[in-house]
Amino acid sequence: MSFDMPTSAPGLLDEHEQLRSRVEEVRDRAVKAAPWTPRSPLHGRFGPRTDIPLSDADNAFYAGAQAQVTAFADLCLSLLSLHQPRDGGGLSSGPTPAVQRCTCCMLLWPCPTIREMTRLLT
C-alpha cells in the first residue's frame, strides 16, 4: 500500500515524512517476515534449545503478529495520509514560517494525532 504525501526540500525529511518512513519500514519488515503457523518448524519451540515449549498464548500471539503488525502499520499510514501539514492561510512577516494546520482536523500543526503517533512510534 502506498500513499502519496507532500515532500520537503530535497535531502530533508520533515517530522511527518520521518514518521511515515518509519511506519513503512515496520510494515515492510512485517510483510517479509515468515508467517508463524502450526506447520512452521519453530512453532511451539523457542530459543537455542528446541525442547523448550511455548505456551498456547505465546503461539497464538506469534501466529497473529505478522497480520496484526501489517494491519496496524496500514492504519498508521492511513492516519498519516489524512493528517498532513498545510498552509494555514495566515500572513507571515519576516523570516518566520507561515502557520500550518492539519488537513484533516484543521488544528495547528502538528495536530494531537500526529504528536501522539510521533511520541509512541519514535
PDB file of N, CA and C in Angstrom:
ATOM      1  N   MET A   1       0.857  -1.158   0.000  1.00  0.00           N
ATOM      2  CA  MET A   1       0.000   0.000   0.000  1.00  0.00           C
ATOM      3  C   MET A   1       0.907   1.225   0.000  1.00  0.00           C
ATOM      4  N   SER A   2       0.636   2.146  -0.883  1.00  0.00           N
ATOM      5  CA  SER A   2       1.448   3.346  -0.994  1.00  0.00           C
ATOM      6  C   SER A   2       0.563   4.567  -0.877  1.00  0.00           C
ATOM      7  N   PHE A   3       1.072   5.574  -0.209  1.00  0.00           N
ATOM      8  CA  PHE A   3       0.330   6.798  -0.023  1.00  0.00           C
ATOM      9  C   PHE A   3       1.145   7.949  -0.578  1.00  0.00           C
ATOM     10  N   ASP A   4       0.525   8.817  -1.364  1.00  0.00           N
ATOM     11  CA  ASP A   4       1.201   9.990  -1.871  1.00  0.00           C
ATOM     12  C   ASP A   4       1.194  11.058  -0.795  1.00  0.00           C
ATOM     13  N   MET A   5       2.367  11.573  -0.490  1.00  0.00           N
ATOM     14  CA  MET A   5       2.497  12.570   0.548  1.00  0.00           C
ATOM     15  C   MET A   5       3.274  13.751  -0.001  1.00  0.00           C
ATOM     16  N   PRO A   6       3.017  14.948   0.490  1.00  0.00           N
ATOM     17  CA  PRO A   6       3.824  16.075   0.076  1.00  0.00           C
ATOM     18  C   PRO A   6       5.259  15.876   0.557  1.00  0.00           C
ATOM     19  N   THR A   7       6.189  16.410  -0.163  1.00  0.00           N
ATOM     20  CA  THR A   7       7.579  16.227   0.210  1.00  0.00           C
ATOM     21  C   THR A   7       8.214  17.543   0.583  1.00  0.00           C
ATOM     22  N   SER A   8       9.284  17.476   1.389  1.00  0.00           N
ATOM     23  CA  SER A   8      10.034  18.660   1.770  1.00  0.00           C
ATOM     24  C   SER A   8      11.151  18.884   0.771  1.00  0.00           C
ATOM     25  N   ALA A   9      12.036  19.785   1.143  1.00  0.00           N
ATOM     26  CA  ALA A   9      13.178  20.096   0.295  1.00  0.00           C
ATOM     27  C   ALA A   9      13.989  18.829   0.045  1.00  0.00           C
ATOM     28  N   PRO A  10      14.627  18.734  -1.130  1.00  0.00           N
ATOM     29  CA  PRO A  10      15.421  17.542  -1.443  1.00  0.00           C
ATOM     30  C   PRO A  10      16.456  17.252  -0.365  1.00  0.00           C
ATOM     31  N   GLY A  11      16.544  15.998   0.036  1.00  0.00           N
ATOM     32  CA  GLY A  11      17.510  15.582   1.036  1.00  0.00           C
ATOM     33  C   GLY A  11      17.080  15.814   2.476  1.00  0.00           C
ATOM     34  N   LEU A  12      15.953  16.468   2.691  1.00  0.00           N
ATOM     35  CA  LEU A  12      15.479  16.749   4.039  1.00  0.00           C
ATOM     36  C   LEU A  12      14.092  16.154   4.237  1.00  0.00           C
ATOM     37  N   LEU A  13      13.940  15.387   5.291  1.00  0.00           N
ATOM     38  CA  LEU A  13      12.630  14.832   5.620  1.00  0.00           C
ATOM     39  C   LEU A  13      12.092  15.577   6.827  1.00  0.00           C
ATOM     40  N   ASP A  14      10.852  16.068   6.717  1.00  0.00           N
ATOM     41  CA  ASP A  14      10.266  16.709   7.885  1.00  0.00           C
ATOM     42  C   ASP A  14       9.782  15.622   8.853  1.00  0.00           C
ATOM     43  N   GLU A  15       9.310  16.039  10.011  1.00  0.00           N
ATOM     44  CA  GLU A  15       8.893  15.099  11.047  1.00  0.00           C
ATOM     45  C   GLU A  15       7.798  14.151  10.546  1.00  0.00           C
ATOM     46  N   HIS A  16       6.868  14.665   9.767  1.00  0.00           N
ATOM     47  CA  HIS A  16       5.768  13.860   9.225  1.00  0.00           C
ATOM     48  C   HIS A  16       6.315  12.779   8.287  1.00  0.00           C
ATOM     49  N   GLU A  17       7.230  13.154   7.406  1.00  0.00           N
ATOM     50  CA  GLU A  17       7.811  12.196   6.462  1.00  0.00           C
ATOM     51  C   GLU A  17       8.683  11.170   7.174  1.00  0.00           C
ATOM     52  N   GLN A  18       9.394  11.590   8.234  1.00  0.00           N
ATOM     53  CA  GLN A  18      10.198  10.652   9.005  1.00  0.00           C
ATOM     54  C   GLN A  18       9.310   9.608   9.671  1.00  0.00           C
ATOM     55  N   LEU A  19       8.198  10.048  10.215  1.00  0.00           N
ATOM     56  CA  LEU A  19       7.257   9.125  10.850  1.00  0.00           C
ATOM     57  C   LEU A  19       6.676   8.164   9.814  1.00  0.00           C
ATOM     58  N   ARG A  20       6.281   8.695   8.664  1.00  0.00           N
ATOM     59  CA  ARG A  20       5.748   7.839   7.591  1.00  0.00           C
ATOM     60  C   ARG A  20       6.787   6.811   7.155  1.00  0.00           C
ATOM     61  N   SER A  21       8.033   7.256   7.012  1.00  0.00           N
ATOM     62  CA  SER A  21       9.110   6.359   6.605  1.00  0.00           C
ATOM     63  C   SER A  21       9.312   5.247   7.636  1.00  0.00           C
ATOM     64  N   ARG A  22       9.262   5.601   8.910  1.00  0.00           N
ATOM     65  CA  ARG A  22       9.426   4.613   9.981  1.00  0.00           C
ATOM     66  C   ARG A  22       8.305   3.574   9.936  1.00  0.00           C
ATOM     67  N   VAL A  23       7.078   4.024   9.755  1.00  0.00           N
ATOM     68  CA  VAL A  23       5.940   3.097   9.703  1.00  0.00           C
ATOM     69  C   VAL A  23       6.045   2.202   8.462  1.00  0.00           C
ATOM     70  N   GLU A  24       6.454   2.764   7.340  1.00  0.00           N
ATOM     71  CA  GLU A  24       6.621   1.953   6.132  1.00  0.00           C
ATOM     72  C   GLU A  24       7.696   0.885   6.320  1.00  0.00           C
ATOM     73  N   GLU A  25       8.776   1.206   7.035  1.00  0.00           N
ATOM     74  CA  GLU A  25       9.822   0.219   7.316  1.00  0.00           C
ATOM     75  C   GLU A  25       9.269  -0.917   8.165  1.00  0.00           C
ATOM     76  N   VAL A  26       8.492  -0.587   9.189  1.00  0.00           N
ATOM     77  CA  VAL A  26       7.891  -1.618  10.048  1.00  0.00           C
ATOM     78  C   VAL A  26       6.957  -2.500   9.231  1.00  0.00           C
ATOM     79  N   ARG A  27       6.140  -1.873   8.379  1.00  0.00           N
ATOM     80  CA  ARG A  27       5.207  -2.631   7.547  1.00  0.00           C
ATOM     81  C   ARG A  27       5.959  -3.557   6.589  1.00  0.00           C
ATOM     82  N   ASP A  28       7.004  -3.036   5.952  1.00  0.00           N
ATOM     83  CA  ASP A  28       7.790  -3.854   5.019  1.00  0.00           C
ATOM     84  C   ASP A  28       8.406  -5.060   5.723  1.00  0.00           C
ATOM     85  N   ARG A  29       8.937  -4.857   6.925  1.00  0.00           N
ATOM     86  CA  ARG A  29       9.514  -5.988   7.670  1.00  0.00           C
ATOM     87  C   ARG A  29       8.442  -7.005   8.035  1.00  0.00           C
ATOM     88  N   ALA A  30       7.259  -6.534   8.403  1.00  0.00           N
ATOM     89  CA  ALA A  30       6.176  -7.453   8.770  1.00  0.00           C
ATOM     90  C   ALA A  30       5.732  -8.278   7.564  1.00  0.00           C
ATOM     91  N   VAL A  31       5.622  -7.618   6.413  1.00  0.00           N
ATOM     92  CA  VAL A  31       5.188  -8.323   5.206  1.00  0.00           C
ATOM     93  C   VAL A  31       6.208  -9.386   4.798  1.00  0.00           C
ATOM     94  N   LYS A  32       7.493  -9.086   4.972  1.00  0.00           N
ATOM     95  CA  LYS A  32       8.558 -10.008   4.562  1.00  0.00           C
ATOM     96  C   LYS A  32       8.814 -11.116   5.574  1.00  0.00           C
ATOM     97  N   ALA A  33       8.317 -10.974   6.781  1.00  0.00           N
ATOM     98  CA  ALA A  33       8.567 -11.964   7.830  1.00  0.00           C
ATOM     99  C   ALA A  33       7.898 -13.292   7.497  1.00  0.00           C
ATOM    100  N   ALA A  34       8.542 -14.357   7.908  1.00  0.00           N
ATOM    101  CA  ALA A  34       7.963 -15.689   7.704  1.00  0.00           C
ATOM    102  C   ALA A  34       6.764 -15.849   8.638  1.00  0.00           C
ATOM    103  N   PRO A  35       5.639 -16.296   8.116  1.00  0.00           N
ATOM    104  CA  PRO A  35       4.472 -16.472   8.981  1.00  0.00           C
ATOM    105  C   PRO A  35       4.708 -17.581  10.009  1.00  0.00           C
ATOM    106  N   TRP A  36       4.095 -17.449  11.136  1.00  0.00           N
ATOM    107  CA  TRP A  36       4.217 -18.411  12.236  1.00  0.00           C
ATOM    108  C   TRP A  36       2.947 -19.246  12.228  1.00  0.00           C
ATOM    109  N   THR A  37       3.022 -20.394  11.652  1.00  0.00           N
ATOM    110  CA  THR A  37       1.848 -21.263  11.535  1.00  0.00           C
ATOM    111  C   THR A  37       2.109 -22.585  12.243  1.00  0.00           C
ATOM    112  N   PRO A  38       1.086 -23.388  12.448  1.00  0.00           N
ATOM    113  CA  PRO A  38       1.308 -24.698  13.071  1.00  0.00           C
ATOM    114  C   PRO A  38       2.299 -25.568  12.298  1.00  0.00           C
ATOM    115  N   ARG A  39       2.475 -25.300  10.998  1.00  0.00           N
ATOM    116  CA  ARG A  39       3.417 -26.090  10.208  1.00  0.00           C
ATOM    117  C   ARG A  39       4.823 -25.487  10.195  1.00  0.00           C
ATOM    118  N   SER A  40       5.009 -24.315  10.828  1.00  0.00           N
ATOM    119  CA  SER A  40       6.337 -23.705  10.881  1.00  0.00           C
ATOM    120  C   SER A  40       7.271 -24.582  11.698  1.00  0.00           C
ATOM    121  N   PRO A  41       8.539 -24.688  11.281  1.00  0.00           N
ATOM    122  CA  PRO A  41       9.462 -25.560  12.010  1.00  0.00           C
ATOM    123  C   PRO A  41       9.694 -25.137  13.459  1.00  0.00           C
ATOM    124  N   LEU A  42       9.523 -23.853  13.770  1.00  0.00           N
ATOM    125  CA  LEU A  42       9.757 -23.388  15.133  1.00  0.00           C
ATOM    126  C   LEU A  42       8.472 -23.250  15.944  1.00  0.00           C
ATOM    127  N   HIS A  43       7.334 -23.571  15.353  1.00  0.00           N
ATOM    128  CA  HIS A  43       6.063 -23.443  16.067  1.00  0.00           C
ATOM    129  C   HIS A  43       6.112 -24.282  17.345  1.00  0.00           C
ATOM    130  N   GLY A  44       5.839 -23.631  18.463  1.00  0.00           N
ATOM    131  CA  GLY A  44       5.824 -24.339  19.737  1.00  0.00           C
ATOM    132  C   GLY A  44       7.177 -24.441  20.403  1.00  0.00           C
ATOM    133  N   ARG A  45       8.221 -23.943  19.759  1.00  0.00           N
ATOM    134  CA  ARG A  45       9.576 -24.024  20.315  1.00  0.00           C
ATOM    135  C   ARG A  45      10.187 -22.636  20.368  1.00  0.00           C
ATOM    136  N   PHE A  46      11.169 -22.463  21.234  1.00  0.00           N
ATOM    137  CA  PHE A  46      11.804 -21.149  21.339  1.00  0.00           C
ATOM    138  C   PHE A  46      13.245 -21.299  21.796  1.00  0.00           C
ATOM    139  N   GLY A  47      14.083 -20.413  21.315  1.00  0.00           N
ATOM    140  CA  GLY A  47      15.461 -20.346  21.785  1.00  0.00           C
ATOM    141  C   GLY A  47      16.348 -21.402  21.167  1.00  0.00           C
ATOM    142  N   PRO A  48      17.620 -21.419  21.594  1.00  0.00           N
ATOM    143  CA  PRO A  48      18.577 -22.356  21.026  1.00  0.00           C
ATOM    144  C   PRO A  48      18.261 -23.813  21.343  1.00  0.00           C
ATOM    145  N   ARG A  49      17.602 -24.039  22.470  1.00  0.00           N
ATOM    146  CA  ARG A  49      17.182 -25.404  22.814  1.00  0.00           C
ATOM    147  C   ARG A  49      15.771 -25.607  22.295  1.00  0.00           C
ATOM    148  N   THR A  50      15.586 -26.488  21.362  1.00  0.00           N
ATOM    149  CA  THR A  50      14.270 -26.666  20.754  1.00  0.00           C
ATOM    150  C   THR A  50      13.346 -27.550  21.587  1.00  0.00           C
ATOM    151  N   ASP A  51      13.776 -27.933  22.773  1.00  0.00           N
ATOM    152  CA  ASP A  51      12.900 -28.750  23.610  1.00  0.00           C
ATOM    153  C   ASP A  51      12.149 -27.914  24.642  1.00  0.00           C
ATOM    154  N   ILE A  52      12.232 -26.585  24.533  1.00  0.00           N
ATOM    155  CA  ILE A  52      11.508 -25.707  25.453  1.00  0.00           C
ATOM    156  C   ILE A  52      10.203 -25.279  24.775  1.00  0.00           C
ATOM    157  N   PRO A  53       9.073 -25.792  25.232  1.00  0.00           N
ATOM    158  CA  PRO A  53       7.811 -25.457  24.566  1.00  0.00           C
ATOM    159  C   PRO A  53       7.320 -24.053  24.923  1.00  0.00           C
ATOM    160  N   LEU A  54       6.640 -23.449  23.978  1.00  0.00           N
ATOM    161  CA  LEU A  54       5.969 -22.176  24.221  1.00  0.00           C
ATOM    162  C   LEU A  54       4.547 -22.457  24.689  1.00  0.00           C
ATOM    163  N   SER A  55       3.999 -21.508  25.412  1.00  0.00           N
ATOM    164  CA  SER A  55       2.615 -21.664  25.860  1.00  0.00           C
ATOM    165  C   SER A  55       1.667 -21.478  24.671  1.00  0.00           C
ATOM    166  N   ASP A  56       0.441 -21.922  24.837  1.00  0.00           N
ATOM    167  CA  ASP A  56      -0.567 -21.728  23.790  1.00  0.00           C
ATOM    168  C   ASP A  56      -0.782 -20.248  23.517  1.00  0.00           C
ATOM    169  N   ALA A  57      -0.730 -19.421  24.581  1.00  0.00           N
ATOM    170  CA  ALA A  57      -0.910 -17.977  24.413  1.00  0.00           C
ATOM    171  C   ALA A  57       0.233 -17.382  23.581  1.00  0.00           C
ATOM    172  N   ASP A  58       1.460 -17.842  23.826  1.00  0.00           N
ATOM    173  CA  ASP A  58       2.600 -17.367  23.041  1.00  0.00           C
ATOM    174  C   ASP A  58       2.454 -17.767  21.581  1.00  0.00           C
ATOM    175  N   ASN A  59       2.080 -19.007  21.349  1.00  0.00           N
ATOM    176  CA  ASN A  59       1.894 -19.473  19.973  1.00  0.00           C
ATOM    177  C   ASN A  59       0.817 -18.664  19.258  1.00  0.00           C
ATOM    178  N   ALA A  60      -0.276 -18.392  19.955  1.00  0.00           N
ATOM    179  CA  ALA A  60      -1.362 -17.611  19.346  1.00  0.00           C
ATOM    180  C   ALA A  60      -0.893 -16.189  19.038  1.00  0.00           C
ATOM    181  N   PHE A  61      -0.124 -15.603  19.943  1.00  0.00           N
ATOM    182  CA  PHE A  61       0.402 -14.252  19.711  1.00  0.00           C
ATOM    183  C   PHE A  61       1.302 -14.232  18.476  1.00  0.00           C
ATOM    184  N   TYR A  62       2.261 -15.133  18.417  1.00  0.00           N
ATOM    185  CA  TYR A  62       3.181 -15.158  17.277  1.00  0.00           C
ATOM    186  C   TYR A  62       2.465 -15.462  15.971  1.00  0.00           C
ATOM    187  N   ALA A  63       1.447 -16.322  16.030  1.00  0.00           N
ATOM    188  CA  ALA A  63       0.715 -16.686  14.816  1.00  0.00           C
ATOM    189  C   ALA A  63      -0.012 -15.482  14.224  1.00  0.00           C
ATOM    190  N   GLY A  64      -0.526 -14.586  15.078  1.00  0.00           N
ATOM    191  CA  GLY A  64      -1.264 -13.433  14.582  1.00  0.00           C
ATOM    192  C   GLY A  64      -0.436 -12.172  14.415  1.00  0.00           C
ATOM    193  N   ALA A  65       0.791 -12.181  14.900  1.00  0.00           N
ATOM    194  CA  ALA A  65       1.600 -10.960  14.928  1.00  0.00           C
ATOM    195  C   ALA A  65       1.859 -10.370  13.545  1.00  0.00           C
ATOM    196  N   GLN A  66       2.196 -11.190  12.574  1.00  0.00           N
ATOM    197  CA  GLN A  66       2.518 -10.669  11.246  1.00  0.00           C
ATOM    198  C   GLN A  66       1.330  -9.913  10.652  1.00  0.00           C
ATOM    199  N   ALA A  67       0.174 -10.524  10.662  1.00  0.00           N
ATOM    200  CA  ALA A  67      -1.015  -9.868  10.099  1.00  0.00           C
ATOM    201  C   ALA A  67      -1.415  -8.650  10.919  1.00  0.00           C
ATOM    202  N   GLN A  68      -1.300  -8.729  12.237  1.00  0.00           N
ATOM    203  CA  GLN A  68      -1.695  -7.609  13.085  1.00  0.00           C
ATOM    204  C   GLN A  68      -0.744  -6.421  12.948  1.00  0.00           C
ATOM    205  N   VAL A  69       0.553  -6.687  12.865  1.00  0.00           N
ATOM    206  CA  VAL A  69       1.515  -5.594  12.686  1.00  0.00           C
ATOM    207  C   VAL A  69       1.311  -4.939  11.323  1.00  0.00           C
ATOM    208  N   THR A  70       1.072  -5.735  10.297  1.00  0.00           N
ATOM    209  CA  THR A  70       0.814  -5.182   8.968  1.00  0.00           C
ATOM    210  C   THR A  70      -0.445  -4.320   8.973  1.00  0.00           C
ATOM    211  N   ALA A  71      -1.504  -4.805   9.607  1.00  0.00           N
ATOM    212  CA  ALA A  71      -2.756  -4.035   9.682  1.00  0.00           C
ATOM    213  C   ALA A  71      -2.558  -2.756  10.492  1.00  0.00           C
ATOM    214  N   PHE A  72      -1.803  -2.832  11.579  1.00  0.00           N
ATOM    215  CA  PHE A  72      -1.530  -1.647  12.389  1.00  0.00           C
ATOM    216  C   PHE A  72      -0.730  -0.618  11.583  1.00  0.00           C
ATOM    217  N   ALA A  73       0.265  -1.076  10.841  1.00  0.00           N
ATOM    218  CA  ALA A  73       1.057  -0.162  10.012  1.00  0.00           C
ATOM    219  C   ALA A  73       0.181   0.471   8.932  1.00  0.00           C
ATOM    220  N   ASP A  74      -0.718  -0.301   8.333  1.00  0.00           N
ATOM    221  CA  ASP A  74      -1.646   0.259   7.336  1.00  0.00           C
ATOM    222  C   ASP A  74      -2.535   1.336   7.965  1.00  0.00           C
ATOM    223  N   LEU A  75      -3.001   1.090   9.185  1.00  0.00           N
ATOM    224  CA  LEU A  75      -3.794   2.084   9.902  1.00  0.00           C
ATOM    225  C   LEU A  75      -2.982   3.361  10.112  1.00  0.00           C
ATOM    226  N   CYS A  76      -1.751   3.221  10.571  1.00  0.00           N
ATOM    227  CA  CYS A  76      -0.885   4.387  10.788  1.00  0.00           C
ATOM    228  C   CYS A  76      -0.655   5.149   9.491  1.00  0.00           C
ATOM    229  N   LEU A  77      -0.409   4.436   8.395  1.00  0.00           N
ATOM    230  CA  LEU A  77      -0.199   5.110   7.109  1.00  0.00           C
ATOM    231  C   LEU A  77      -1.467   5.829   6.654  1.00  0.00           C
ATOM    232  N   SER A  78      -2.618   5.245   6.918  1.00  0.00           N
ATOM    233  CA  SER A  78      -3.878   5.913   6.574  1.00  0.00           C
ATOM    234  C   SER A  78      -4.058   7.194   7.390  1.00  0.00           C
ATOM    235  N   LEU A  79      -3.759   7.115   8.681  1.00  0.00           N
ATOM    236  CA  LEU A  79      -3.847   8.311   9.527  1.00  0.00           C
ATOM    237  C   LEU A  79      -2.866   9.386   9.059  1.00  0.00           C
ATOM    238  N   LEU A  80      -1.661   8.965   8.673  1.00  0.00           N
ATOM    239  CA  LEU A  80      -0.671   9.924   8.192  1.00  0.00           C
ATOM    240  C   LEU A  80      -1.090  10.557   6.872  1.00  0.00           C
ATOM    241  N   SER A  81      -1.818   9.817   6.040  1.00  0.00           N
ATOM    242  CA  SER A  81      -2.278  10.407   4.775  1.00  0.00           C
ATOM    243  C   SER A  81      -3.422  11.395   5.022  1.00  0.00           C
ATOM    244  N   LEU A  82      -4.199  11.172   6.075  1.00  0.00           N
ATOM    245  CA  LEU A  82      -5.272  12.111   6.423  1.00  0.00           C
ATOM    246  C   LEU A  82      -4.730  13.354   7.129  1.00  0.00           C
ATOM    247  N   HIS A  83      -3.822  13.145   8.061  1.00  0.00           N
ATOM    248  CA  HIS A  83      -3.293  14.235   8.895  1.00  0.00           C
ATOM    249  C   HIS A  83      -1.950  14.690   8.326  1.00  0.00           C
ATOM    250  N   GLN A  84      -2.001  15.711   7.494  1.00  0.00           N
ATOM    251  CA  GLN A  84      -0.811  16.273   6.863  1.00  0.00           C
ATOM    252  C   GLN A  84      -0.776  17.775   7.110  1.00  0.00           C
ATOM    253  N   PRO A  85       0.427  18.342   7.098  1.00  0.00           N
ATOM    254  CA  PRO A  85       0.502  19.798   7.278  1.00  0.00           C
ATOM    255  C   PRO A  85       0.088  20.526   6.000  1.00  0.00           C
ATOM    256  N   ARG A  86      -0.509  21.689   6.186  1.00  0.00           N
ATOM    257  CA  ARG A  86      -0.832  22.547   5.051  1.00  0.00           C
ATOM    258  C   ARG A  86      -0.748  23.997   5.510  1.00  0.00           C
ATOM    259  N   ASP A  87      -0.616  24.865   4.560  1.00  0.00           N
ATOM    260  CA  ASP A  87      -0.544  26.293   4.853  1.00  0.00           C
ATOM    261  C   ASP A  87      -1.825  26.705   5.556  1.00  0.00           C
ATOM    262  N   GLY A  88      -1.683  27.385   6.682  1.00  0.00           N
ATOM    263  CA  GLY A  88      -2.843  27.805   7.460  1.00  0.00           C
ATOM    264  C   GLY A  88      -3.543  29.022   6.902  1.00  0.00           C
ATOM    265  N   GLY A  89      -2.980  29.623   5.853  1.00  0.00           N
ATOM    266  CA  GLY A  89      -3.635  30.745   5.202  1.00  0.00           C
ATOM    267  C   GLY A  89      -3.368  32.091   5.835  1.00  0.00           C
ATOM    268  N   GLY A  90      -2.572  32.117   6.883  1.00  0.00           N
ATOM    269  CA  GLY A  90      -2.281  33.390   7.528  1.00  0.00           C
ATOM    270  C   GLY A  90      -1.121  34.113   6.854  1.00  0.00           C
ATOM    271  N   LEU A  91      -0.966  35.363   7.204  1.00  0.00           N
ATOM    272  CA  LEU A  91       0.145  36.152   6.699  1.00  0.00           C
ATOM    273  C   LEU A  91       1.341  35.976   7.616  1.00  0.00           C
ATOM    274  N   SER A  92       2.511  35.978   7.025  1.00  0.00           N
ATOM    275  CA  SER A  92       3.728  35.843   7.798  1.00  0.00           C
ATOM    276  C   SER A  92       4.638  37.012   7.462  1.00  0.00           C
ATOM    277  N   SER A  93       5.176  37.641   8.486  1.00  0.00           N
ATOM    278  CA  SER A  93       6.099  38.742   8.221  1.00  0.00           C
ATOM    279  C   SER A  93       7.499  38.316   8.636  1.00  0.00           C
ATOM    280  N   GLY A  94       8.431  38.664   7.814  1.00  0.00           N
ATOM    281  CA  GLY A  94       9.822  38.342   8.111  1.00  0.00           C
ATOM    282  C   GLY A  94      10.126  36.880   7.868  1.00  0.00           C
ATOM    283  N   PRO A  95      11.201  36.403   8.511  1.00  0.00           N
ATOM    284  CA  PRO A  95      11.670  35.034   8.246  1.00  0.00           C
ATOM    285  C   PRO A  95      10.878  33.946   8.973  1.00  0.00           C
ATOM    286  N   THR A  96       9.903  34.299   9.783  1.00  0.00           N
ATOM    287  CA  THR A  96       9.147  33.271  10.497  1.00  0.00           C
ATOM    288  C   THR A  96       8.284  32.477   9.520  1.00  0.00           C
ATOM    289  N   PRO A  97       8.231  31.162   9.699  1.00  0.00           N
ATOM    290  CA  PRO A  97       7.433  30.337   8.786  1.00  0.00           C
ATOM    291  C   PRO A  97       5.936  30.614   8.949  1.00  0.00           C
ATOM    292  N   ALA A  98       5.212  30.382   7.886  1.00  0.00           N
ATOM    293  CA  ALA A  98       3.756  30.563   7.927  1.00  0.00           C
ATOM    294  C   ALA A  98       3.135  29.527   8.861  1.00  0.00           C
ATOM    295  N   VAL A  99       2.019  29.872   9.445  1.00  0.00           N
ATOM    296  CA  VAL A  99       1.299  28.955  10.326  1.00  0.00           C
ATOM    297  C   VAL A  99       0.792  27.783   9.487  1.00  0.00           C
ATOM    298  N   GLN A 100       0.950  26.581  10.018  1.00  0.00           N
ATOM    299  CA  GLN A 100       0.437  25.398   9.334  1.00  0.00           C
ATOM    300  C   GLN A 100      -0.684  24.787  10.153  1.00  0.00           C
ATOM    301  N   ARG A 101      -1.607  24.162   9.442  1.00  0.00           N
ATOM    302  CA  ARG A 101      -2.724  23.452  10.061  1.00  0.00           C
ATOM    303  C   ARG A 101      -2.788  22.044   9.477  1.00  0.00           C
ATOM    304  N   CYS A 102      -3.466  21.169  10.193  1.00  0.00           N
ATOM    305  CA  CYS A 102      -3.666  19.800   9.732  1.00  0.00           C
ATOM    306  C   CYS A 102      -4.764  19.782   8.677  1.00  0.00           C
ATOM    307  N   THR A 103      -4.538  19.039   7.591  1.00  0.00           N
ATOM    308  CA  THR A 103      -5.539  18.971   6.526  1.00  0.00           C
ATOM    309  C   THR A 103      -6.813  18.254   6.964  1.00  0.00           C
ATOM    310  N   CYS A 104      -6.732  17.420   7.985  1.00  0.00           N
ATOM    311  CA  CYS A 104      -7.898  16.646   8.414  1.00  0.00           C
ATOM    312  C   CYS A 104      -8.701  17.360   9.497  1.00  0.00           C
ATOM    313  N   CYS A 105      -8.029  17.725  10.578  1.00  0.00           N
ATOM    314  CA  CYS A 105      -8.762  18.279  11.718  1.00  0.00           C
ATOM    315  C   CYS A 105      -8.660  19.799  11.820  1.00  0.00           C
ATOM    316  N   MET A 106      -7.846  20.403  10.972  1.00  0.00           N
ATOM    317  CA  MET A 106      -7.656  21.859  10.900  1.00  0.00           C
ATOM    318  C   MET A 106      -7.090  22.471  12.182  1.00  0.00           C
ATOM    319  N   LEU A 107      -6.548  21.656  13.073  1.00  0.00           N
ATOM    320  CA  LEU A 107      -5.873  22.173  14.259  1.00  0.00           C
ATOM    321  C   LEU A 107      -4.467  22.598  13.873  1.00  0.00           C
ATOM    322  N   LEU A 108      -3.841  23.397  14.725  1.00  0.00           N
ATOM    323  CA  LEU A 108      -2.473  23.816  14.444  1.00  0.00           C
ATOM    324  C   LEU A 108      -1.571  22.604  14.306  1.00  0.00           C
ATOM    325  N   TRP A 109      -0.627  22.710  13.371  1.00  0.00           N
ATOM    326  CA  TRP A 109       0.314  21.612  13.097  1.00  0.00           C
ATOM    327  C   TRP A 109       1.488  21.682  14.050  1.00  0.00           C
ATOM    328  N   PRO A 110       1.955  20.537  14.552  1.00  0.00           N
ATOM    329  CA  PRO A 110       1.389  19.200  14.377  1.00  0.00           C
ATOM    330  C   PRO A 110       0.163  19.018  15.272  1.00  0.00           C
ATOM    331  N   CYS A 111      -0.847  18.383  14.712  1.00  0.00           N
ATOM    332  CA  CYS A 111      -2.092  18.168  15.442  1.00  0.00           C
ATOM    333  C   CYS A 111      -1.877  17.110  16.532  1.00  0.00           C
ATOM    334  N   PRO A 112      -2.803  16.966  17.468  1.00  0.00           N
ATOM    335  CA  PRO A 112      -2.650  15.973  18.543  1.00  0.00           C
ATOM    336  C   PRO A 112      -2.457  14.538  18.035  1.00  0.00           C
ATOM    337  N   THR A 113      -3.100  14.194  16.926  1.00  0.00           N
ATOM    338  CA  THR A 113      -2.951  12.839  16.391  1.00  0.00           C
ATOM    339  C   THR A 113      -1.508  12.575  15.996  1.00  0.00           C
ATOM    340  N   ILE A 114      -0.905  13.493  15.265  1.00  0.00           N
ATOM    341  CA  ILE A 114       0.474  13.323  14.815  1.00  0.00           C
ATOM    342  C   ILE A 114       1.442  13.416  15.990  1.00  0.00           C
ATOM    343  N   ARG A 115       1.186  14.317  16.936  1.00  0.00           N
ATOM    344  CA  ARG A 115       2.059  14.408  18.119  1.00  0.00           C
ATOM    345  C   ARG A 115       2.061  13.091  18.886  1.00  0.00           C
ATOM    346  N   GLU A 116       0.889  12.497  19.067  1.00  0.00           N
ATOM    347  CA  GLU A 116       0.803  11.233  19.808  1.00  0.00           C
ATOM    348  C   GLU A 116       1.437  10.087  19.025  1.00  0.00           C
ATOM    349  N   MET A 117       1.213  10.027  17.725  1.00  0.00           N
ATOM    350  CA  MET A 117       1.847   8.988  16.913  1.00  0.00           C
ATOM    351  C   MET A 117       3.367   9.127  16.974  1.00  0.00           C
ATOM    352  N   THR A 118       3.859  10.344  16.888  1.00  0.00           N
ATOM    353  CA  THR A 118       5.301  10.577  16.954  1.00  0.00           C
ATOM    354  C   THR A 118       5.843  10.138  18.309  1.00  0.00           C
ATOM    355  N   ARG A 119       5.146  10.490  19.374  1.00  0.00           N
ATOM    356  CA  ARG A 119       5.587  10.103  20.720  1.00  0.00           C
ATOM    357  C   ARG A 119       5.654   8.585  20.872  1.00  0.00           C
ATOM    358  N   LEU A 120       4.655   7.892  20.368  1.00  0.00           N
ATOM    359  CA  LEU A 120       4.572   6.445  20.552  1.00  0.00           C
ATOM    360  C   LEU A 120       5.444   5.637  19.596  1.00  0.00           C
ATOM    361  N   LEU A 121       5.702   6.172  18.417  1.00  0.00           N
ATOM    362  CA  LEU A 121       6.388   5.382  17.393  1.00  0.00           C
ATOM    363  C   LEU A 121       7.844   5.773  17.158  1.00  0.00           C
ATOM    364  N   THR A 122       8.328   6.770  17.885  1.00  0.00           N
ATOM    365  CA  THR A 122       9.746   7.135  17.702  1.00  0.00           C
ATOM    366  C   THR A 122      10.503   7.007  18.993  1.00  0.00           C
TER     367      THR A 122
END
